[in-house]
């Protein structure tokens, strides 16, 4: 169980770094595309109860 938690933690850290990189690229390049804006609206509308918990992973 501890190994699984450590592995998940490492993946989350890599994911956070990737998201930060994407944010920096988007900020330097200007506005989001219409597609990205639409996907962002959808993601923000998603209810937290539909999220997958770490326990289910």
PDB file of N, CA and C in Angstrom:
ATOM      1  N   UNK A   1       0.828  -1.192   0.000  1.00  0.00           N
ATOM      2  CA  UNK A   1       0.000   0.000   0.000  1.00  0.00           C
ATOM      3  C   UNK A   1       0.873   1.256   0.000  1.00  0.00           C
ATOM      4  N   UNK A   2       1.947   1.239   0.794  1.00  0.00           N
ATOM      5  CA  UNK A   2       2.837   2.399   0.865  1.00  0.00           C
ATOM      6  C   UNK A   2       3.507   2.648  -0.484  1.00  0.00           C
ATOM      7  N   UNK A   3       3.853   1.563  -1.171  1.00  0.00           N
ATOM      8  CA  UNK A   3       4.480   1.676  -2.494  1.00  0.00           C
ATOM      9  C   UNK A   3       3.515   2.303  -3.487  1.00  0.00           C
ATOM     10  N   UNK A   4       2.241   1.892  -3.429  1.00  0.00           N
ATOM     11  CA  UNK A   4       1.223   2.463  -4.315  1.00  0.00           C
ATOM     12  C   UNK A   4       1.055   3.948  -4.043  1.00  0.00           C
ATOM     13  N   UNK A   5       1.008   4.322  -2.792  1.00  0.00           N
ATOM     14  CA  UNK A   5       0.852   5.726  -2.419  1.00  0.00           C
ATOM     15  C   UNK A   5       2.041   6.543  -2.897  1.00  0.00           C
ATOM     16  N   UNK A   6       3.229   5.996  -2.747  1.00  0.00           N
ATOM     17  CA  UNK A   6       4.437   6.692  -3.194  1.00  0.00           C
ATOM     18  C   UNK A   6       4.405   6.859  -4.710  1.00  0.00           C
ATOM     19  N   UNK A   7       4.007   5.826  -5.418  1.00  0.00           N
ATOM     20  CA  UNK A   7       3.926   5.881  -6.872  1.00  0.00           C
ATOM     21  C   UNK A   7       2.904   6.920  -7.329  1.00  0.00           C
ATOM     22  N   UNK A   8       1.759   6.941  -6.691  1.00  0.00           N
ATOM     23  CA  UNK A   8       0.724   7.923  -7.018  1.00  0.00           C
ATOM     24  C   UNK A   8       1.229   9.332  -6.739  1.00  0.00           C
ATOM     25  N   UNK A   9       1.914   9.503  -5.625  1.00  0.00           N
ATOM     26  CA  UNK A   9       2.455  10.810  -5.270  1.00  0.00           C
ATOM     27  C   UNK A   9       3.457  11.288  -6.316  1.00  0.00           C
ATOM     28  N   UNK A  10       4.328  10.393  -6.762  1.00  0.00           N
ATOM     29  CA  UNK A  10       5.320  10.744  -7.778  1.00  0.00           C
ATOM     30  C   UNK A  10       4.639  11.139  -9.089  1.00  0.00           C
ATOM     31  N   UNK A  11       3.590  10.413  -9.451  1.00  0.00           N
ATOM     32  CA  UNK A  11       2.853  10.732 -10.676  1.00  0.00           C
ATOM     33  C   UNK A  11       2.159  12.081 -10.556  1.00  0.00           C
ATOM     34  N   UNK A  12       1.609  12.364  -9.397  1.00  0.00           N
ATOM     35  CA  UNK A  12       0.953  13.657  -9.184  1.00  0.00           C
ATOM     36  C   UNK A  12       1.954  14.807  -9.251  1.00  0.00           C
ATOM     37  N   UNK A  13       3.135  14.593  -8.731  1.00  0.00           N
ATOM     38  CA  UNK A  13       4.182  15.626  -8.795  1.00  0.00           C
ATOM     39  C   UNK A  13       4.565  15.886 -10.246  1.00  0.00           C
ATOM     40  N   UNK A  14       4.744  14.814 -11.036  1.00  0.00           N
ATOM     41  CA  UNK A  14       5.073  14.987 -12.460  1.00  0.00           C
ATOM     42  C   UNK A  14       3.937  15.686 -13.198  1.00  0.00           C
ATOM     43  N   UNK A  15       2.705  15.324 -12.863  1.00  0.00           N
ATOM     44  CA  UNK A  15       1.538  15.943 -13.483  1.00  0.00           C
ATOM     45  C   UNK A  15       1.476  17.435 -13.166  1.00  0.00           C
ATOM     46  N   UNK A  16       1.730  17.785 -11.913  1.00  0.00           N
ATOM     47  CA  UNK A  16       1.728  19.194 -11.510  1.00  0.00           C
ATOM     48  C   UNK A  16       2.799  19.980 -12.262  1.00  0.00           C
ATOM     49  N   UNK A  17       3.969  19.372 -12.452  1.00  0.00           N
ATOM     50  CA  UNK A  17       5.039  20.035 -13.210  1.00  0.00           C
ATOM     51  C   UNK A  17       4.626  20.221 -14.667  1.00  0.00           C
ATOM     52  N   UNK A  18       3.986  19.205 -15.245  1.00  0.00           N
ATOM     53  CA  UNK A  18       3.529  19.308 -16.624  1.00  0.00           C
ATOM     54  C   UNK A  18       2.477  20.410 -16.777  1.00  0.00           C
ATOM     55  N   UNK A  19       1.554  20.478 -15.841  1.00  0.00           N
ATOM     56  CA  UNK A  19       0.514  21.512 -15.884  1.00  0.00           C
ATOM     57  C   UNK A  19       1.149  22.893 -15.767  1.00  0.00           C
ATOM     58  N   UNK A  20       2.112  23.041 -14.891  1.00  0.00           N
ATOM     59  CA  UNK A  20       2.805  24.319 -14.732  1.00  0.00           C
ATOM     60  C   UNK A  20       3.503  24.708 -16.030  1.00  0.00           C
ATOM     61  N   UNK A  21       4.146  23.755 -16.684  1.00  0.00           N
ATOM     62  CA  UNK A  21       4.804  24.015 -17.965  1.00  0.00           C
ATOM     63  C   UNK A  21       3.786  24.456 -19.014  1.00  0.00           C
ATOM     64  N   UNK A  22       2.673  23.768 -19.089  1.00  0.00           N
ATOM     65  CA  UNK A  22       1.629  24.116 -20.056  1.00  0.00           C
ATOM     66  C   UNK A  22       1.100  25.516 -19.780  1.00  0.00           C
ATOM     67  N   UNK A  23       0.871  25.837 -18.512  1.00  0.00           N
ATOM     68  CA  UNK A  23       0.406  27.178 -18.156  1.00  0.00           C
ATOM     69  C   UNK A  23       1.404  28.239 -18.594  1.00  0.00           C
ATOM     70  N   UNK A  24       2.678  28.000 -18.369  1.00  0.00           N
ATOM     71  CA  UNK A  24       3.698  28.968 -18.755  1.00  0.00           C
ATOM     72  C   UNK A  24       3.745  29.158 -20.277  1.00  0.00           C
ATOM     73  N   UNK A  25       3.613  28.064 -21.001  1.00  0.00           N
ATOM     74  CA  UNK A  25       3.606  28.153 -22.463  1.00  0.00           C
ATOM     75  C   UNK A  25       2.396  28.951 -22.938  1.00  0.00           C
ATOM     76  N   UNK A  26       1.240  28.656 -22.370  1.00  0.00           N
ATOM     77  CA  UNK A  26       0.028  29.363 -22.780  1.00  0.00           C
ATOM     78  C   UNK A  26       0.105  30.848 -22.442  1.00  0.00           C
ATOM     79  N   UNK A  27       0.667  31.185 -21.311  1.00  0.00           N
ATOM     80  CA  UNK A  27       0.794  32.588 -20.927  1.00  0.00           C
ATOM     81  C   UNK A  27       1.717  33.335 -21.879  1.00  0.00           C
ATOM     82  N   UNK A  28       2.782  32.684 -22.311  1.00  0.00           N
ATOM     83  CA  UNK A  28       3.740  33.358 -23.177  1.00  0.00           C
ATOM     84  C   UNK A  28       3.251  33.447 -24.614  1.00  0.00           C
ATOM     85  N   UNK A  29       2.372  32.554 -25.001  1.00  0.00           N
ATOM     86  CA  UNK A  29       1.896  32.535 -26.375  1.00  0.00           C
ATOM     87  C   UNK A  29       0.615  33.329 -26.570  1.00  0.00           C
ATOM     88  N   UNK A  30       0.005  33.782 -25.513  1.00  0.00           N
ATOM     89  CA  UNK A  30      -1.209  34.579 -25.680  1.00  0.00           C
ATOM     90  C   UNK A  30      -2.457  33.843 -25.268  1.00  0.00           C
ATOM     91  N   UNK A  31      -3.533  34.094 -25.984  1.00  0.00           N
ATOM     92  CA  UNK A  31      -4.845  33.576 -25.623  1.00  0.00           C
ATOM     93  C   UNK A  31      -5.008  32.096 -25.960  1.00  0.00           C
ATOM     94  N   UNK A  32      -5.963  31.493 -25.274  1.00  0.00           N
ATOM     95  CA  UNK A  32      -6.322  30.107 -25.553  1.00  0.00           C
ATOM     96  C   UNK A  32      -7.128  30.030 -26.840  1.00  0.00           C
ATOM     97  N   UNK A  33      -7.047  28.884 -27.490  1.00  0.00           N
ATOM     98  CA  UNK A  33      -7.877  28.668 -28.671  1.00  0.00           C
ATOM     99  C   UNK A  33      -9.327  28.495 -28.226  1.00  0.00           C
ATOM    100  N   UNK A  34     -10.243  28.607 -29.171  1.00  0.00           N
ATOM    101  CA  UNK A  34     -11.658  28.412 -28.849  1.00  0.00           C
ATOM    102  C   UNK A  34     -11.899  27.007 -28.304  1.00  0.00           C
ATOM    103  N   UNK A  35     -11.198  26.035 -28.875  1.00  0.00           N
ATOM    104  CA  UNK A  35     -11.332  24.659 -28.401  1.00  0.00           C
ATOM    105  C   UNK A  35     -10.901  24.557 -26.929  1.00  0.00           C
ATOM    106  N   UNK A  36      -9.759  25.146 -26.598  1.00  0.00           N
ATOM    107  CA  UNK A  36      -9.250  25.086 -25.227  1.00  0.00           C
ATOM    108  C   UNK A  36     -10.196  25.792 -24.270  1.00  0.00           C
ATOM    109  N   UNK A  37     -10.753  26.915 -24.700  1.00  0.00           N
ATOM    110  CA  UNK A  37     -11.710  27.648 -23.852  1.00  0.00           C
ATOM    111  C   UNK A  37     -12.944  26.799 -23.584  1.00  0.00           C
ATOM    112  N   UNK A  38     -13.430  26.125 -24.607  1.00  0.00           N
ATOM    113  CA  UNK A  38     -14.608  25.261 -24.452  1.00  0.00           C
ATOM    114  C   UNK A  38     -14.315  24.113 -23.495  1.00  0.00           C
ATOM    115  N   UNK A  39     -13.158  23.480 -23.655  1.00  0.00           N
ATOM    116  CA  UNK A  39     -12.790  22.371 -22.773  1.00  0.00           C
ATOM    117  C   UNK A  39     -12.603  22.846 -21.337  1.00  0.00           C
ATOM    118  N   UNK A  40     -12.076  24.040 -21.155  1.00  0.00           N
ATOM    119  CA  UNK A  40     -11.893  24.595 -19.825  1.00  0.00           C
ATOM    120  C   UNK A  40     -13.239  24.846 -19.152  1.00  0.00           C
ATOM    121  N   UNK A  41     -14.194  25.371 -19.905  1.00  0.00           N
ATOM    122  CA  UNK A  41     -15.539  25.598 -19.364  1.00  0.00           C
ATOM    123  C   UNK A  41     -16.153  24.272 -18.930  1.00  0.00           C
ATOM    124  N   UNK A  42     -15.990  23.236 -19.760  1.00  0.00           N
ATOM    125  CA  UNK A  42     -16.521  21.907 -19.415  1.00  0.00           C
ATOM    126  C   UNK A  42     -15.863  21.369 -18.146  1.00  0.00           C
ATOM    127  N   UNK A  43     -14.561  21.504 -18.051  1.00  0.00           N
ATOM    128  CA  UNK A  43     -13.829  20.991 -16.888  1.00  0.00           C
ATOM    129  C   UNK A  43     -14.249  21.705 -15.615  1.00  0.00           C
ATOM    130  N   UNK A  44     -14.426  23.006 -15.704  1.00  0.00           N
ATOM    131  CA  UNK A  44     -14.827  23.779 -14.522  1.00  0.00           C
ATOM    132  C   UNK A  44     -16.251  23.476 -14.111  1.00  0.00           C
ATOM    133  N   UNK A  45     -17.092  23.033 -15.053  1.00  0.00           N
ATOM    134  CA  UNK A  45     -18.483  22.718 -14.748  1.00  0.00           C
ATOM    135  C   UNK A  45     -18.633  21.335 -14.116  1.00  0.00           C
ATOM    136  N   UNK A  46     -17.601  20.503 -14.226  1.00  0.00           N
ATOM    137  CA  UNK A  46     -17.645  19.144 -13.681  1.00  0.00           C
ATOM    138  C   UNK A  46     -17.800  19.200 -12.160  1.00  0.00           C
ATOM    139  N   UNK A  47     -18.730  18.431 -11.637  1.00  0.00           N
ATOM    140  CA  UNK A  47     -18.958  18.391 -10.203  1.00  0.00           C
ATOM    141  C   UNK A  47     -17.880  17.541  -9.526  1.00  0.00           C
ATOM    142  N   UNK A  48     -17.465  17.974  -8.349  1.00  0.00           N
ATOM    143  CA  UNK A  48     -16.424  17.253  -7.623  1.00  0.00           C
ATOM    144  C   UNK A  48     -16.823  15.818  -7.315  1.00  0.00           C
ATOM    145  N   UNK A  49     -18.103  15.572  -7.160  1.00  0.00           N
ATOM    146  CA  UNK A  49     -18.546  14.213  -6.840  1.00  0.00           C
ATOM    147  C   UNK A  49     -18.285  13.241  -8.000  1.00  0.00           C
ATOM    148  N   UNK A  50     -18.040  13.773  -9.190  1.00  0.00           N
ATOM    149  CA  UNK A  50     -17.715  12.929 -10.349  1.00  0.00           C
ATOM    150  C   UNK A  50     -16.221  12.654 -10.472  1.00  0.00           C
ATOM    151  N   UNK A  51     -15.429  13.272  -9.637  1.00  0.00           N
ATOM    152  CA  UNK A  51     -13.989  13.047  -9.664  1.00  0.00           C
ATOM    153  C   UNK A  51     -13.673  11.624  -9.201  1.00  0.00           C
ATOM    154  N   UNK A  52     -12.550  11.104  -9.613  1.00  0.00           N
ATOM    155  CA  UNK A  52     -12.097   9.796  -9.156  1.00  0.00           C
ATOM    156  C   UNK A  52     -11.190  10.008  -7.936  1.00  0.00           C
ATOM    157  N   UNK A  53     -11.509   9.337  -6.859  1.00  0.00           N
ATOM    158  CA  UNK A  53     -10.728   9.504  -5.637  1.00  0.00           C
ATOM    159  C   UNK A  53      -9.442   8.706  -5.752  1.00  0.00           C
ATOM    160  N   UNK A  54      -8.461   9.091  -4.952  1.00  0.00           N
ATOM    161  CA  UNK A  54      -7.196   8.367  -4.929  1.00  0.00           C
ATOM    162  C   UNK A  54      -7.405   6.930  -4.473  1.00  0.00           C
ATOM    163  N   UNK A  55      -8.382   6.713  -3.602  1.00  0.00           N
ATOM    164  CA  UNK A  55      -8.647   5.370  -3.111  1.00  0.00           C
ATOM    165  C   UNK A  55      -9.094   4.445  -4.246  1.00  0.00           C
ATOM    166  N   UNK A  56      -9.825   5.013  -5.222  1.00  0.00           N
ATOM    167  CA  UNK A  56     -10.308   4.211  -6.338  1.00  0.00           C
ATOM    168  C   UNK A  56      -9.203   3.914  -7.358  1.00  0.00           C
ATOM    169  N   UNK A  57      -8.142   4.716  -7.318  1.00  0.00           N
ATOM    170  CA  UNK A  57      -7.047   4.458  -8.238  1.00  0.00           C
ATOM    171  C   UNK A  57      -6.304   3.245  -7.758  1.00  0.00           C
TER     172      UNK A  57
END
